[in-house]
């Protein structure tokens, strides 16, 4: 399947290369290179039209992050799941992205294998390996031996360093409720270490489900109030600067901001969801932390890092590459 579609991706890459769009191939950008532009998105049906890849690539991202629902494979059939990932890997637009920048990612429920699923899903170990195959994870990667797909990536020299922390909100997740957990003991300990011992100036924490919003009735960290409080407290206690949440799942885009007693700076979250389908009929939804309006059409997100003036830009863009929501965050000096 990959070989069948690769030529189309290469032709498009040559065309856009003449315009100066194409960068290094996936996985080849040096970790010491300062990132200035990161793109991410979620909720992507492999069997639908995918009209956003051209606009995404036109932004010349240094990195693409999947925030879950890469494919829709609610199944116990691992052969069927693998076929869905092969269809996605063979899409010519996605192939162009792979030739443009590195790709990393985590999952949500539909690519995990069970709608709203958690630790009870019986095929999670097999599903994990299929996702990692799709992401071209090395065979000897520690990520293949652990329980869950959580991972971190550090880019750039000290002073211009960004750490991307991808959480797994599925593998160890229990039942919602005050005592319910999301991450599991091993992942909590790992996350604490990633934050406490980091030298990065910016920490992008990818969670497939929303962290800050509390009021809607769908999946979110607020359905696990003790775990959410633990997460916010850990960020504050760690002293990690420049924490920004990235999330998906909701089939619309929005930016949220929370002032929390545990932190010396406000927390921002950018939600981008709906690469192939969106909640077009949504007219209103409460979120006391939302900045501006939500955007209920197909969208992707761009994060800009201006190291000279120490600013991070959050942008939600539509299929025509138009900015629909935006926020500038000024970084504090370390």
C-alpha atoms as a PDB file:
ATOM      1  CA  UNK A   1       0.000   0.000   0.000  1.00  0.00           C
ATOM      2  CA  UNK A   2       2.781   2.438   0.833  1.00  0.00           C
ATOM      3  CA  UNK A   3       4.657   1.727  -2.394  1.00  0.00           C
ATOM      4  CA  UNK A   4       1.527   2.185  -4.419  1.00  0.00           C
ATOM      5  CA  UNK A   5       0.977   5.750  -3.238  1.00  0.00           C
ATOM      6  CA  UNK A   6       4.557   6.899  -2.647  1.00  0.00           C
ATOM      7  CA  UNK A   7       5.119   8.139  -6.224  1.00  0.00           C
ATOM      8  CA  UNK A   8       2.170  10.547  -5.988  1.00  0.00           C
ATOM      9  CA  UNK A   9       3.593  11.972  -2.777  1.00  0.00           C
ATOM     10  CA  UNK A  10       7.001  12.395  -4.390  1.00  0.00           C
ATOM     11  CA  UNK A  11       5.540  14.212  -7.401  1.00  0.00           C
ATOM     12  CA  UNK A  12       3.752  16.631  -5.094  1.00  0.00           C
ATOM     13  CA  UNK A  13       6.938  17.023  -3.069  1.00  0.00           C
ATOM     14  CA  UNK A  14       8.896  17.964  -6.195  1.00  0.00           C
ATOM     15  CA  UNK A  15       6.287  20.542  -7.181  1.00  0.00           C
ATOM     16  CA  UNK A  16       6.190  22.155  -3.738  1.00  0.00           C
ATOM     17  CA  UNK A  17       9.958  21.781  -3.448  1.00  0.00           C
ATOM     18  CA  UNK A  18      10.286  24.236  -6.320  1.00  0.00           C
ATOM     19  CA  UNK A  19       8.365  26.656  -4.096  1.00  0.00           C
ATOM     20  CA  UNK A  20      10.720  26.055  -1.181  1.00  0.00           C
ATOM     21  CA  UNK A  21       8.226  24.055   0.873  1.00  0.00           C
ATOM     22  CA  UNK A  22       9.859  20.684   1.336  1.00  0.00           C
ATOM     23  CA  UNK A  23      12.374  20.219   4.149  1.00  0.00           C
ATOM     24  CA  UNK A  24      14.179  17.166   5.448  1.00  0.00           C
ATOM     25  CA  UNK A  25      12.599  13.741   5.413  1.00  0.00           C
ATOM     26  CA  UNK A  26      10.772  12.337   8.414  1.00  0.00           C
ATOM     27  CA  UNK A  27      13.084  11.502  11.285  1.00  0.00           C
ATOM     28  CA  UNK A  28      16.105  13.356   9.864  1.00  0.00           C
ATOM     29  CA  UNK A  29      15.799  16.789  11.492  1.00  0.00           C
ATOM     30  CA  UNK A  30      18.618  17.052  14.052  1.00  0.00           C
ATOM     31  CA  UNK A  31      17.474  17.186  17.665  1.00  0.00           C
ATOM     32  CA  UNK A  32      19.829  20.146  18.264  1.00  0.00           C
ATOM     33  CA  UNK A  33      17.964  22.254  15.664  1.00  0.00           C
ATOM     34  CA  UNK A  34      15.778  24.989  17.151  1.00  0.00           C
ATOM     35  CA  UNK A  35      12.141  24.414  16.217  1.00  0.00           C
ATOM     36  CA  UNK A  36      10.173  27.440  15.094  1.00  0.00           C
ATOM     37  CA  UNK A  37       6.971  25.874  13.715  1.00  0.00           C
ATOM     38  CA  UNK A  38       5.057  22.810  14.904  1.00  0.00           C
ATOM     39  CA  UNK A  39       1.786  21.529  13.442  1.00  0.00           C
ATOM     40  CA  UNK A  40      -0.687  19.103  14.973  1.00  0.00           C
ATOM     41  CA  UNK A  41      -4.154  17.703  14.489  1.00  0.00           C
ATOM     42  CA  UNK A  42      -6.515  14.855  15.346  1.00  0.00           C
ATOM     43  CA  UNK A  43      -9.693  13.040  14.379  1.00  0.00           C
ATOM     44  CA  UNK A  44      -8.863  11.738  10.919  1.00  0.00           C
ATOM     45  CA  UNK A  45     -10.988   9.144   9.151  1.00  0.00           C
ATOM     46  CA  UNK A  46      -8.785   7.200   6.786  1.00  0.00           C
ATOM     47  CA  UNK A  47     -11.759   6.496   4.470  1.00  0.00           C
ATOM     48  CA  UNK A  48     -12.797  10.144   3.975  1.00  0.00           C
ATOM     49  CA  UNK A  49     -11.513  13.057   1.932  1.00  0.00           C
ATOM     50  CA  UNK A  50      -8.464  14.641   3.580  1.00  0.00           C
ATOM     51  CA  UNK A  51      -8.358  18.220   2.284  1.00  0.00           C
ATOM     52  CA  UNK A  52      -6.020  19.807   4.836  1.00  0.00           C
ATOM     53  CA  UNK A  53      -2.615  18.285   4.043  1.00  0.00           C
ATOM     54  CA  UNK A  54      -1.710  20.841   1.362  1.00  0.00           C
ATOM     55  CA  UNK A  55      -2.373  23.734   3.753  1.00  0.00           C
ATOM     56  CA  UNK A  56      -0.515  21.984   6.566  1.00  0.00           C
ATOM     57  CA  UNK A  57       2.574  21.401   4.422  1.00  0.00           C
ATOM     58  CA  UNK A  58       2.430  24.992   3.125  1.00  0.00           C
ATOM     59  CA  UNK A  59       3.189  26.128   6.685  1.00  0.00           C
ATOM     60  CA  UNK A  60       6.581  24.383   6.487  1.00  0.00           C
ATOM     61  CA  UNK A  61       6.354  22.736   9.909  1.00  0.00           C
ATOM     62  CA  UNK A  62       9.486  21.434  11.589  1.00  0.00           C
ATOM     63  CA  UNK A  63       7.388  18.703  13.208  1.00  0.00           C
ATOM     64  CA  UNK A  64       3.920  17.133  12.940  1.00  0.00           C
ATOM     65  CA  UNK A  65       2.194  15.698  16.029  1.00  0.00           C
ATOM     66  CA  UNK A  66      -0.754  13.311  15.890  1.00  0.00           C
ATOM     67  CA  UNK A  67      -3.043  13.910  18.897  1.00  0.00           C
ATOM     68  CA  UNK A  68      -5.108  10.757  18.402  1.00  0.00           C
ATOM     69  CA  UNK A  69      -7.825   9.212  16.263  1.00  0.00           C
ATOM     70  CA  UNK A  70      -5.349   8.827  13.411  1.00  0.00           C
ATOM     71  CA  UNK A  71      -7.709   6.192  12.046  1.00  0.00           C
ATOM     72  CA  UNK A  72     -11.138   4.975  13.116  1.00  0.00           C
ATOM     73  CA  UNK A  73     -10.722   1.332  14.042  1.00  0.00           C
ATOM     74  CA  UNK A  74     -13.067   0.393  16.867  1.00  0.00           C
ATOM     75  CA  UNK A  75     -12.337  -3.306  16.599  1.00  0.00           C
ATOM     76  CA  UNK A  76     -10.904  -6.449  18.151  1.00  0.00           C
ATOM     77  CA  UNK A  77      -9.617  -7.469  14.719  1.00  0.00           C
ATOM     78  CA  UNK A  78      -5.955  -6.474  14.536  1.00  0.00           C
ATOM     79  CA  UNK A  79      -5.697  -7.344  10.842  1.00  0.00           C
ATOM     80  CA  UNK A  80      -8.490  -4.870  10.115  1.00  0.00           C
ATOM     81  CA  UNK A  81      -6.810  -2.247  12.283  1.00  0.00           C
ATOM     82  CA  UNK A  82      -3.506  -2.676  10.473  1.00  0.00           C
ATOM     83  CA  UNK A  83      -5.270  -2.317   7.111  1.00  0.00           C
ATOM     84  CA  UNK A  84      -6.750   1.016   8.198  1.00  0.00           C
ATOM     85  CA  UNK A  85      -3.316   2.348   9.125  1.00  0.00           C
ATOM     86  CA  UNK A  86      -1.986   1.155   5.762  1.00  0.00           C
ATOM     87  CA  UNK A  87      -4.721   3.097   3.985  1.00  0.00           C
ATOM     88  CA  UNK A  88      -3.744   6.218   5.913  1.00  0.00           C
ATOM     89  CA  UNK A  89      -0.020   5.711   5.336  1.00  0.00           C
ATOM     90  CA  UNK A  90      -0.732   5.420   1.611  1.00  0.00           C
ATOM     91  CA  UNK A  91      -2.672   8.677   1.313  1.00  0.00           C
ATOM     92  CA  UNK A  92      -0.735  10.956  -1.089  1.00  0.00           C
ATOM     93  CA  UNK A  93      -1.316  14.095   0.962  1.00  0.00           C
ATOM     94  CA  UNK A  94      -0.043  12.430   4.107  1.00  0.00           C
ATOM     95  CA  UNK A  95       2.861  11.047   2.100  1.00  0.00           C
ATOM     96  CA  UNK A  96       3.812  14.610   1.242  1.00  0.00           C
ATOM     97  CA  UNK A  97       3.860  15.506   4.921  1.00  0.00           C
ATOM     98  CA  UNK A  98       6.126  12.526   5.647  1.00  0.00           C
ATOM     99  CA  UNK A  99       8.595  13.856   3.100  1.00  0.00           C
ATOM    100  CA  UNK A 100       8.416  17.328   4.642  1.00  0.00           C
ATOM    101  CA  UNK A 101       8.983  16.851   8.390  1.00  0.00           C
ATOM    102  CA  UNK A 102       9.270  14.282  11.196  1.00  0.00           C
ATOM    103  CA  UNK A 103       6.034  12.799  12.538  1.00  0.00           C
ATOM    104  CA  UNK A 104       5.379  11.769  16.135  1.00  0.00           C
ATOM    105  CA  UNK A 105       2.138  11.001  17.894  1.00  0.00           C
ATOM    106  CA  UNK A 106      -0.079   9.366  20.466  1.00  0.00           C
ATOM    107  CA  UNK A 107      -3.499   7.755  20.231  1.00  0.00           C
ATOM    108  CA  UNK A 108      -7.032   8.385  21.433  1.00  0.00           C
ATOM    109  CA  UNK A 109      -9.907   5.918  21.637  1.00  0.00           C
ATOM    110  CA  UNK A 110     -10.690   5.142  17.985  1.00  0.00           C
ATOM    111  CA  UNK A 111      -7.116   4.249  17.024  1.00  0.00           C
ATOM    112  CA  UNK A 112      -6.665   2.573  20.408  1.00  0.00           C
ATOM    113  CA  UNK A 113      -9.433   0.204  19.351  1.00  0.00           C
ATOM    114  CA  UNK A 114     -12.455   0.916  21.563  1.00  0.00           C
ATOM    115  CA  UNK A 115     -14.742   3.942  21.672  1.00  0.00           C
ATOM    116  CA  UNK A 116     -14.167   5.714  25.009  1.00  0.00           C
ATOM    117  CA  UNK A 117     -11.989   2.752  25.957  1.00  0.00           C
ATOM    118  CA  UNK A 118      -9.501   2.370  28.765  1.00  0.00           C
ATOM    119  CA  UNK A 119      -7.508  -0.365  30.475  1.00  0.00           C
ATOM    120  CA  UNK A 120     -10.275  -2.925  29.940  1.00  0.00           C
ATOM    121  CA  UNK A 121      -9.591  -3.174  26.186  1.00  0.00           C
ATOM    122  CA  UNK A 122      -8.204  -6.669  25.669  1.00  0.00           C
ATOM    123  CA  UNK A 123      -6.192  -5.948  22.501  1.00  0.00           C
ATOM    124  CA  UNK A 124      -4.280  -2.923  23.787  1.00  0.00           C
ATOM    125  CA  UNK A 125      -0.830  -4.572  23.680  1.00  0.00           C
ATOM    126  CA  UNK A 126      -1.287  -5.643  20.058  1.00  0.00           C
ATOM    127  CA  UNK A 127      -2.828  -2.304  19.114  1.00  0.00           C
ATOM    128  CA  UNK A 128       0.177  -0.501  20.591  1.00  0.00           C
ATOM    129  CA  UNK A 129       2.580  -2.298  18.265  1.00  0.00           C
ATOM    130  CA  UNK A 130       0.442  -1.483  15.223  1.00  0.00           C
ATOM    131  CA  UNK A 131       0.406   2.219  16.085  1.00  0.00           C
ATOM    132  CA  UNK A 132       4.175   2.195  16.585  1.00  0.00           C
ATOM    133  CA  UNK A 133       4.610   0.470  13.233  1.00  0.00           C
ATOM    134  CA  UNK A 134       2.599   3.268  11.620  1.00  0.00           C
ATOM    135  CA  UNK A 135       4.799   5.865  13.334  1.00  0.00           C
ATOM    136  CA  UNK A 136       7.951   4.058  12.112  1.00  0.00           C
ATOM    137  CA  UNK A 137       9.142   3.474  15.660  1.00  0.00           C
ATOM    138  CA  UNK A 138      12.432   1.576  15.774  1.00  0.00           C
ATOM    139  CA  UNK A 139      12.178  -2.125  16.624  1.00  0.00           C
ATOM    140  CA  UNK A 140      14.477  -1.692  19.638  1.00  0.00           C
ATOM    141  CA  UNK A 141      12.654   1.414  20.920  1.00  0.00           C
ATOM    142  CA  UNK A 142      11.815   1.384  24.651  1.00  0.00           C
ATOM    143  CA  UNK A 143       8.376   2.523  23.580  1.00  0.00           C
ATOM    144  CA  UNK A 144       7.757  -0.956  22.190  1.00  0.00           C
ATOM    145  CA  UNK A 145       8.567  -2.630  25.515  1.00  0.00           C
ATOM    146  CA  UNK A 146       6.587  -0.428  27.890  1.00  0.00           C
ATOM    147  CA  UNK A 147       2.876  -0.644  28.649  1.00  0.00           C
ATOM    148  CA  UNK A 148       1.464   2.364  26.843  1.00  0.00           C
ATOM    149  CA  UNK A 149       2.597   4.737  24.095  1.00  0.00           C
ATOM    150  CA  UNK A 150       3.686   7.708  26.231  1.00  0.00           C
ATOM    151  CA  UNK A 151       6.905   9.346  25.047  1.00  0.00           C
ATOM    152  CA  UNK A 152       8.932  12.558  25.158  1.00  0.00           C
ATOM    153  CA  UNK A 153      11.072  14.345  22.564  1.00  0.00           C
ATOM    154  CA  UNK A 154      13.500  17.214  23.202  1.00  0.00           C
ATOM    155  CA  UNK A 155      14.556  19.569  20.416  1.00  0.00           C
ATOM    156  CA  UNK A 156      16.944  22.505  20.259  1.00  0.00           C
ATOM    157  CA  UNK A 157      19.910  23.842  22.222  1.00  0.00           C
ATOM    158  CA  UNK A 158      19.579  24.979  25.814  1.00  0.00           C
ATOM    159  CA  UNK A 159      17.836  28.330  25.914  1.00  0.00           C
ATOM    160  CA  UNK A 160      15.826  27.454  22.793  1.00  0.00           C
ATOM    161  CA  UNK A 161      14.780  23.996  23.852  1.00  0.00           C
ATOM    162  CA  UNK A 162      11.269  22.592  23.528  1.00  0.00           C
ATOM    163  CA  UNK A 163      10.183  19.289  25.034  1.00  0.00           C
ATOM    164  CA  UNK A 164       7.148  17.497  23.591  1.00  0.00           C
ATOM    165  CA  UNK A 165       5.557  15.165  26.128  1.00  0.00           C
ATOM    166  CA  UNK A 166       2.941  12.803  24.711  1.00  0.00           C
ATOM    167  CA  UNK A 167       0.623  11.222  27.255  1.00  0.00           C
ATOM    168  CA  UNK A 168      -1.245   7.943  26.884  1.00  0.00           C
ATOM    169  CA  UNK A 169      -4.767   8.558  28.208  1.00  0.00           C
ATOM    170  CA  UNK A 170      -6.045   5.079  27.292  1.00  0.00           C
ATOM    171  CA  UNK A 171      -3.828   2.144  28.256  1.00  0.00           C
ATOM    172  CA  UNK A 172      -4.113   2.581  32.054  1.00  0.00           C
ATOM    173  CA  UNK A 173      -7.303   4.604  32.280  1.00  0.00           C
ATOM    174  CA  UNK A 174      -9.883   3.452  34.813  1.00  0.00           C
ATOM    175  CA  UNK A 175     -13.538   4.316  35.231  1.00  0.00           C
ATOM    176  CA  UNK A 176     -14.403   8.011  35.449  1.00  0.00           C
ATOM    177  CA  UNK A 177     -15.021   9.339  38.946  1.00  0.00           C
ATOM    178  CA  UNK A 178     -13.290  11.103  41.791  1.00  0.00           C
ATOM    179  CA  UNK A 179     -10.963   8.148  42.433  1.00  0.00           C
ATOM    180  CA  UNK A 180     -10.510   7.267  38.775  1.00  0.00           C
ATOM    181  CA  UNK A 181      -7.033   7.436  37.261  1.00  0.00           C
ATOM    182  CA  UNK A 182      -5.913   8.307  33.748  1.00  0.00           C
ATOM    183  CA  UNK A 183      -2.188   7.572  33.535  1.00  0.00           C
ATOM    184  CA  UNK A 184      -1.298   4.696  35.865  1.00  0.00           C
ATOM    185  CA  UNK A 185       1.617   4.569  38.309  1.00  0.00           C
ATOM    186  CA  UNK A 186       4.434   4.009  35.807  1.00  0.00           C
ATOM    187  CA  UNK A 187       3.344   6.887  33.590  1.00  0.00           C
ATOM    188  CA  UNK A 188       2.875   9.264  36.520  1.00  0.00           C
ATOM    189  CA  UNK A 189       6.425   8.562  37.727  1.00  0.00           C
ATOM    190  CA  UNK A 190       7.766   8.987  34.202  1.00  0.00           C
ATOM    191  CA  UNK A 191       5.926  12.294  33.738  1.00  0.00           C
ATOM    192  CA  UNK A 192       7.268  13.655  37.019  1.00  0.00           C
ATOM    193  CA  UNK A 193      10.808  12.865  35.918  1.00  0.00           C
ATOM    194  CA  UNK A 194      10.282  14.432  32.499  1.00  0.00           C
ATOM    195  CA  UNK A 195       9.153  17.697  34.089  1.00  0.00           C
ATOM    196  CA  UNK A 196      11.465  17.900  37.117  1.00  0.00           C
ATOM    197  CA  UNK A 197      14.683  17.110  35.262  1.00  0.00           C
ATOM    198  CA  UNK A 198      13.991  19.085  32.099  1.00  0.00           C
ATOM    199  CA  UNK A 199      16.111  21.985  30.851  1.00  0.00           C
ATOM    200  CA  UNK A 200      13.561  23.004  28.220  1.00  0.00           C
ATOM    201  CA  UNK A 201      12.094  26.510  28.033  1.00  0.00           C
ATOM    202  CA  UNK A 202       8.804  25.245  26.549  1.00  0.00           C
ATOM    203  CA  UNK A 203       6.955  22.057  27.490  1.00  0.00           C
ATOM    204  CA  UNK A 204       4.182  20.958  25.118  1.00  0.00           C
ATOM    205  CA  UNK A 205       2.090  18.271  26.826  1.00  0.00           C
ATOM    206  CA  UNK A 206      -0.050  16.338  24.367  1.00  0.00           C
ATOM    207  CA  UNK A 207      -3.211  14.819  25.833  1.00  0.00           C
ATOM    208  CA  UNK A 208      -5.712  13.252  23.467  1.00  0.00           C
ATOM    209  CA  UNK A 209      -8.580  14.467  25.679  1.00  0.00           C
ATOM    210  CA  UNK A 210      -9.016  18.005  26.977  1.00  0.00           C
ATOM    211  CA  UNK A 211      -7.352  18.995  30.245  1.00  0.00           C
ATOM    212  CA  UNK A 212      -8.647  22.458  31.181  1.00  0.00           C
ATOM    213  CA  UNK A 213     -12.346  22.549  30.161  1.00  0.00           C
ATOM    214  CA  UNK A 214     -14.689  21.294  32.904  1.00  0.00           C
ATOM    215  CA  UNK A 215     -18.274  21.904  31.836  1.00  0.00           C
ATOM    216  CA  UNK A 216     -19.042  19.794  28.764  1.00  0.00           C
ATOM    217  CA  UNK A 217     -20.378  16.252  29.129  1.00  0.00           C
ATOM    218  CA  UNK A 218     -17.843  14.447  26.922  1.00  0.00           C
ATOM    219  CA  UNK A 219     -14.500  12.829  27.671  1.00  0.00           C
ATOM    220  CA  UNK A 220     -12.084  15.105  29.546  1.00  0.00           C
ATOM    221  CA  UNK A 221      -9.661  15.126  32.460  1.00  0.00           C
ATOM    222  CA  UNK A 222     -12.346  16.820  34.596  1.00  0.00           C
ATOM    223  CA  UNK A 223     -14.204  13.477  34.602  1.00  0.00           C
ATOM    224  CA  UNK A 224     -11.281  12.339  36.779  1.00  0.00           C
ATOM    225  CA  UNK A 225     -11.095  15.294  39.204  1.00  0.00           C
ATOM    226  CA  UNK A 226      -8.435  13.868  41.504  1.00  0.00           C
ATOM    227  CA  UNK A 227      -6.197  12.896  38.600  1.00  0.00           C
ATOM    228  CA  UNK A 228      -6.658  16.329  37.010  1.00  0.00           C
ATOM    229  CA  UNK A 229      -5.730  18.053  40.243  1.00  0.00           C
ATOM    230  CA  UNK A 230      -2.690  15.801  40.525  1.00  0.00           C
ATOM    231  CA  UNK A 231      -1.616  16.738  37.010  1.00  0.00           C
ATOM    232  CA  UNK A 232      -1.919  20.484  37.609  1.00  0.00           C
ATOM    233  CA  UNK A 233      -0.193  20.147  40.979  1.00  0.00           C
ATOM    234  CA  UNK A 234       2.669  18.172  39.451  1.00  0.00           C
ATOM    235  CA  UNK A 235       3.253  20.862  36.845  1.00  0.00           C
ATOM    236  CA  UNK A 236       3.385  23.501  39.561  1.00  0.00           C
ATOM    237  CA  UNK A 237       5.607  21.488  41.916  1.00  0.00           C
ATOM    238  CA  UNK A 238       8.039  20.562  39.153  1.00  0.00           C
ATOM    239  CA  UNK A 239       8.819  24.186  38.354  1.00  0.00           C
ATOM    240  CA  UNK A 240       8.764  23.351  34.630  1.00  0.00           C
ATOM    241  CA  UNK A 241       8.394  26.587  32.631  1.00  0.00           C
ATOM    242  CA  UNK A 242       6.267  27.224  29.574  1.00  0.00           C
ATOM    243  CA  UNK A 243       3.806  24.345  29.911  1.00  0.00           C
ATOM    244  CA  UNK A 244       1.142  24.362  27.191  1.00  0.00           C
ATOM    245  CA  UNK A 245      -1.419  21.592  26.675  1.00  0.00           C
ATOM    246  CA  UNK A 246      -2.233  20.243  23.215  1.00  0.00           C
ATOM    247  CA  UNK A 247      -5.431  18.226  22.800  1.00  0.00           C
ATOM    248  CA  UNK A 248      -7.846  16.835  20.236  1.00  0.00           C
ATOM    249  CA  UNK A 249     -10.981  14.642  20.348  1.00  0.00           C
ATOM    250  CA  UNK A 250     -13.723  17.283  20.283  1.00  0.00           C
ATOM    251  CA  UNK A 251     -14.238  17.824  16.508  1.00  0.00           C
ATOM    252  CA  UNK A 252     -13.737  21.556  16.820  1.00  0.00           C
ATOM    253  CA  UNK A 253     -10.922  23.947  17.711  1.00  0.00           C
ATOM    254  CA  UNK A 254     -10.537  26.291  20.679  1.00  0.00           C
ATOM    255  CA  UNK A 255      -7.956  27.909  22.965  1.00  0.00           C
ATOM    256  CA  UNK A 256      -8.364  27.897  26.750  1.00  0.00           C
ATOM    257  CA  UNK A 257      -6.545  29.666  29.596  1.00  0.00           C
ATOM    258  CA  UNK A 258      -6.512  28.773  33.310  1.00  0.00           C
ATOM    259  CA  UNK A 259      -5.082  30.646  36.283  1.00  0.00           C
ATOM    260  CA  UNK A 260      -4.289  28.032  38.943  1.00  0.00           C
ATOM    261  CA  UNK A 261      -3.018  28.481  42.484  1.00  0.00           C
ATOM    262  CA  UNK A 262      -0.402  25.766  41.992  1.00  0.00           C
ATOM    263  CA  UNK A 263       1.291  27.645  39.152  1.00  0.00           C
ATOM    264  CA  UNK A 264       3.200  30.887  38.896  1.00  0.00           C
ATOM    265  CA  UNK A 265       1.971  31.466  35.336  1.00  0.00           C
ATOM    266  CA  UNK A 266      -1.307  30.822  33.457  1.00  0.00           C
ATOM    267  CA  UNK A 267      -1.829  27.510  31.672  1.00  0.00           C
ATOM    268  CA  UNK A 268      -2.960  27.496  28.055  1.00  0.00           C
ATOM    269  CA  UNK A 269      -4.506  24.672  26.072  1.00  0.00           C
ATOM    270  CA  UNK A 270      -5.006  24.566  22.322  1.00  0.00           C
ATOM    271  CA  UNK A 271      -7.494  21.995  21.064  1.00  0.00           C
ATOM    272  CA  UNK A 272      -7.459  21.086  17.376  1.00  0.00           C
ATOM    273  CA  UNK A 273      -9.808  18.371  16.185  1.00  0.00           C
ATOM    274  CA  UNK A 274     -11.397  17.617  12.894  1.00  0.00           C
ATOM    275  CA  UNK A 275      -8.969  16.869  10.075  1.00  0.00           C
ATOM    276  CA  UNK A 276     -11.698  15.056   8.106  1.00  0.00           C
ATOM    277  CA  UNK A 277     -14.935  15.733  10.003  1.00  0.00           C
ATOM    278  CA  UNK A 278     -16.069  18.341  12.495  1.00  0.00           C
ATOM    279  CA  UNK A 279     -18.978  19.335  14.711  1.00  0.00           C
ATOM    280  CA  UNK A 280     -20.468  21.719  12.146  1.00  0.00           C
ATOM    281  CA  UNK A 281     -23.795  21.994  13.945  1.00  0.00           C
ATOM    282  CA  UNK A 282     -22.320  23.086  17.264  1.00  0.00           C
ATOM    283  CA  UNK A 283     -23.735  26.498  18.175  1.00  0.00           C
ATOM    284  CA  UNK A 284     -22.658  26.836  21.792  1.00  0.00           C
ATOM    285  CA  UNK A 285     -20.841  24.906  24.489  1.00  0.00           C
ATOM    286  CA  UNK A 286     -19.870  26.211  27.922  1.00  0.00           C
ATOM    287  CA  UNK A 287     -16.175  26.600  28.708  1.00  0.00           C
ATOM    288  CA  UNK A 288     -15.340  29.269  31.280  1.00  0.00           C
ATOM    289  CA  UNK A 289     -11.677  29.101  30.248  1.00  0.00           C
ATOM    290  CA  UNK A 290     -12.176  29.618  26.508  1.00  0.00           C
ATOM    291  CA  UNK A 291     -10.541  32.603  24.852  1.00  0.00           C
ATOM    292  CA  UNK A 292     -12.716  33.998  22.080  1.00  0.00           C
ATOM    293  CA  UNK A 293     -14.940  31.566  20.180  1.00  0.00           C
ATOM    294  CA  UNK A 294     -14.583  27.950  19.123  1.00  0.00           C
ATOM    295  CA  UNK A 295     -14.201  27.033  15.451  1.00  0.00           C
ATOM    296  CA  UNK A 296     -16.487  24.207  14.343  1.00  0.00           C
ATOM    297  CA  UNK A 297     -15.139  23.469  10.841  1.00  0.00           C
ATOM    298  CA  UNK A 298     -12.210  21.325   9.678  1.00  0.00           C
ATOM    299  CA  UNK A 299      -9.040  22.586  11.306  1.00  0.00           C
ATOM    300  CA  UNK A 300      -5.415  22.005  12.255  1.00  0.00           C
ATOM    301  CA  UNK A 301      -3.111  23.813  14.675  1.00  0.00           C
ATOM    302  CA  UNK A 302       0.166  25.655  14.262  1.00  0.00           C
ATOM    303  CA  UNK A 303       2.488  26.502  17.144  1.00  0.00           C
ATOM    304  CA  UNK A 304       5.109  29.150  16.398  1.00  0.00           C
ATOM    305  CA  UNK A 305       8.217  29.604  18.533  1.00  0.00           C
ATOM    306  CA  UNK A 306       9.922  32.995  18.256  1.00  0.00           C
ATOM    307  CA  UNK A 307      13.072  32.562  20.309  1.00  0.00           C
ATOM    308  CA  UNK A 308      14.363  36.087  19.656  1.00  0.00           C
ATOM    309  CA  UNK A 309      11.434  37.768  21.440  1.00  0.00           C
ATOM    310  CA  UNK A 310      10.576  34.656  23.523  1.00  0.00           C
ATOM    311  CA  UNK A 311       7.002  34.250  22.351  1.00  0.00           C
ATOM    312  CA  UNK A 312       4.876  31.218  21.537  1.00  0.00           C
ATOM    313  CA  UNK A 313       2.005  31.625  19.092  1.00  0.00           C
ATOM    314  CA  UNK A 314      -1.044  29.350  19.102  1.00  0.00           C
ATOM    315  CA  UNK A 315      -3.084  29.236  15.894  1.00  0.00           C
ATOM    316  CA  UNK A 316      -6.122  27.284  14.717  1.00  0.00           C
ATOM    317  CA  UNK A 317      -6.290  27.284  10.919  1.00  0.00           C
ATOM    318  CA  UNK A 318      -8.978  26.222   8.461  1.00  0.00           C
ATOM    319  CA  UNK A 319      -8.783  24.286   5.191  1.00  0.00           C
ATOM    320  CA  UNK A 320      -7.769  27.439   3.303  1.00  0.00           C
ATOM    321  CA  UNK A 321      -4.933  28.027   5.795  1.00  0.00           C
ATOM    322  CA  UNK A 322      -6.733  31.026   7.277  1.00  0.00           C
ATOM    323  CA  UNK A 323      -6.143  31.704  10.983  1.00  0.00           C
ATOM    324  CA  UNK A 324      -9.443  31.338  12.840  1.00  0.00           C
ATOM    325  CA  UNK A 325      -8.249  31.623  16.456  1.00  0.00           C
ATOM    326  CA  UNK A 326      -4.903  32.821  17.780  1.00  0.00           C
ATOM    327  CA  UNK A 327      -3.109  33.621  21.007  1.00  0.00           C
ATOM    328  CA  UNK A 328       0.365  34.934  21.812  1.00  0.00           C
ATOM    329  CA  UNK A 329       2.102  33.677  24.971  1.00  0.00           C
ATOM    330  CA  UNK A 330       5.110  35.540  26.310  1.00  0.00           C
ATOM    331  CA  UNK A 331       7.685  33.250  27.874  1.00  0.00           C
ATOM    332  CA  UNK A 332       9.229  34.163  31.180  1.00  0.00           C
ATOM    333  CA  UNK A 333      12.974  34.319  31.398  1.00  0.00           C
ATOM    334  CA  UNK A 334      14.415  31.141  32.890  1.00  0.00           C
END
